[in-house]
Amino acid sequence: MASRSNTRFQKRLKELARASKRRDKEEKKQQRKAEKVTDGEGPPIEAIDPTDLGLPPLDDQEEVVKVQ
């Protein structure tokens, strides 16, 4: 019966290790989430001129919308 007690102890150690790992992962997840939400900094957004893409200018598009 001594082995039964030992296996219970080992199982308890494994459960504690899993719980600890789970807590660590959750803390890291929350930390990454907090870092991600900072100031909204990012690359600047630039307007694209439709003529650079070979499209008609925006003024022509407005006339098409008015006709419809």
Protein backbone atom coordinates (compact mmCIF):
# COMPACT_ATOMS: atom_id res chain seq x y z
CA MET A 1 0.00 0.00 0.00
CA ALA A 2 2.93 2.32 0.23
CA SER A 3 3.01 2.65 -3.54
CA ARG A 4 -0.58 3.85 -3.59
CA SER A 5 0.27 6.77 -1.33
CA ASN A 6 3.28 7.62 -3.48
CA THR A 7 1.19 7.68 -6.67
CA ARG A 8 -1.35 9.97 -5.06
CA PHE A 9 1.42 12.34 -4.05
CA GLN A 10 2.87 12.28 -7.56
CA LYS A 11 -0.54 12.93 -9.04
CA ARG A 12 -1.01 15.88 -6.69
CA LEU A 13 2.36 17.30 -7.77
CA LYS A 14 1.35 17.01 -11.42
CA GLU A 15 -1.96 18.75 -10.74
CA LEU A 16 -0.18 21.59 -8.95
CA ALA A 17 2.31 21.95 -11.81
CA ARG A 18 -0.53 22.09 -14.37
CA ALA A 19 -2.40 24.70 -12.34
CA SER A 20 0.76 26.78 -12.00
CA LYS A 21 1.41 26.56 -15.74
CA ARG A 22 -2.18 27.57 -16.47
CA ARG A 23 -1.85 30.62 -14.19
CA ASP A 24 1.44 31.64 -15.83
CA LYS A 25 -0.08 31.35 -19.31
CA GLU A 26 -3.10 33.44 -18.31
CA GLU A 27 -0.85 36.15 -16.84
CA LYS A 28 1.24 36.26 -20.03
CA LYS A 29 -1.93 36.44 -22.12
CA GLN A 30 -3.24 39.39 -20.11
CA GLN A 31 0.14 41.11 -20.31
CA ARG A 32 0.23 40.76 -24.12
CA LYS A 33 -3.34 42.02 -24.31
CA ALA A 34 -2.45 45.08 -22.21
CA GLU A 35 0.59 45.83 -24.40
CA LYS A 36 -1.51 45.49 -27.54
CA VAL A 37 -4.06 48.10 -26.41
CA THR A 38 -1.50 50.86 -25.79
CA ASP A 39 -1.93 54.35 -27.32
CA GLY A 40 -3.10 53.01 -30.69
CA GLU A 41 0.27 53.77 -32.18
CA GLY A 42 1.02 52.31 -35.54
CA PRO A 43 2.18 53.24 -38.97
CA PRO A 44 0.64 56.43 -40.35
CA ILE A 45 -2.23 56.01 -42.78
CA GLU A 46 -1.73 57.76 -46.11
CA ALA A 47 -4.40 58.68 -48.63
CA ILE A 48 -4.04 56.95 -51.98
CA ASP A 49 -4.64 59.02 -55.10
CA PRO A 50 -6.88 57.00 -57.46
CA THR A 51 -5.02 58.36 -60.47
CA ASP A 52 -1.88 56.60 -59.24
CA LEU A 53 -3.75 53.33 -59.58
CA GLY A 54 -5.03 54.13 -63.06
CA LEU A 55 -8.55 54.93 -61.87
CA PRO A 56 -10.58 57.98 -62.85
CA PRO A 57 -10.36 60.97 -60.49
CA LEU A 58 -12.84 61.19 -57.62
CA ASP A 59 -14.73 64.09 -59.28
CA ASP A 60 -15.84 61.77 -62.12
CA GLN A 61 -17.09 59.19 -59.63
CA GLU A 62 -19.31 61.78 -57.93
CA GLU A 63 -20.97 62.62 -61.26
CA VAL A 64 -21.71 58.95 -61.88
CA VAL A 65 -23.39 58.69 -58.49
CA LYS A 66 -25.51 61.80 -59.22
CA VAL A 67 -26.73 60.35 -62.54
CA GLN A 68 -27.95 57.13 -60.97
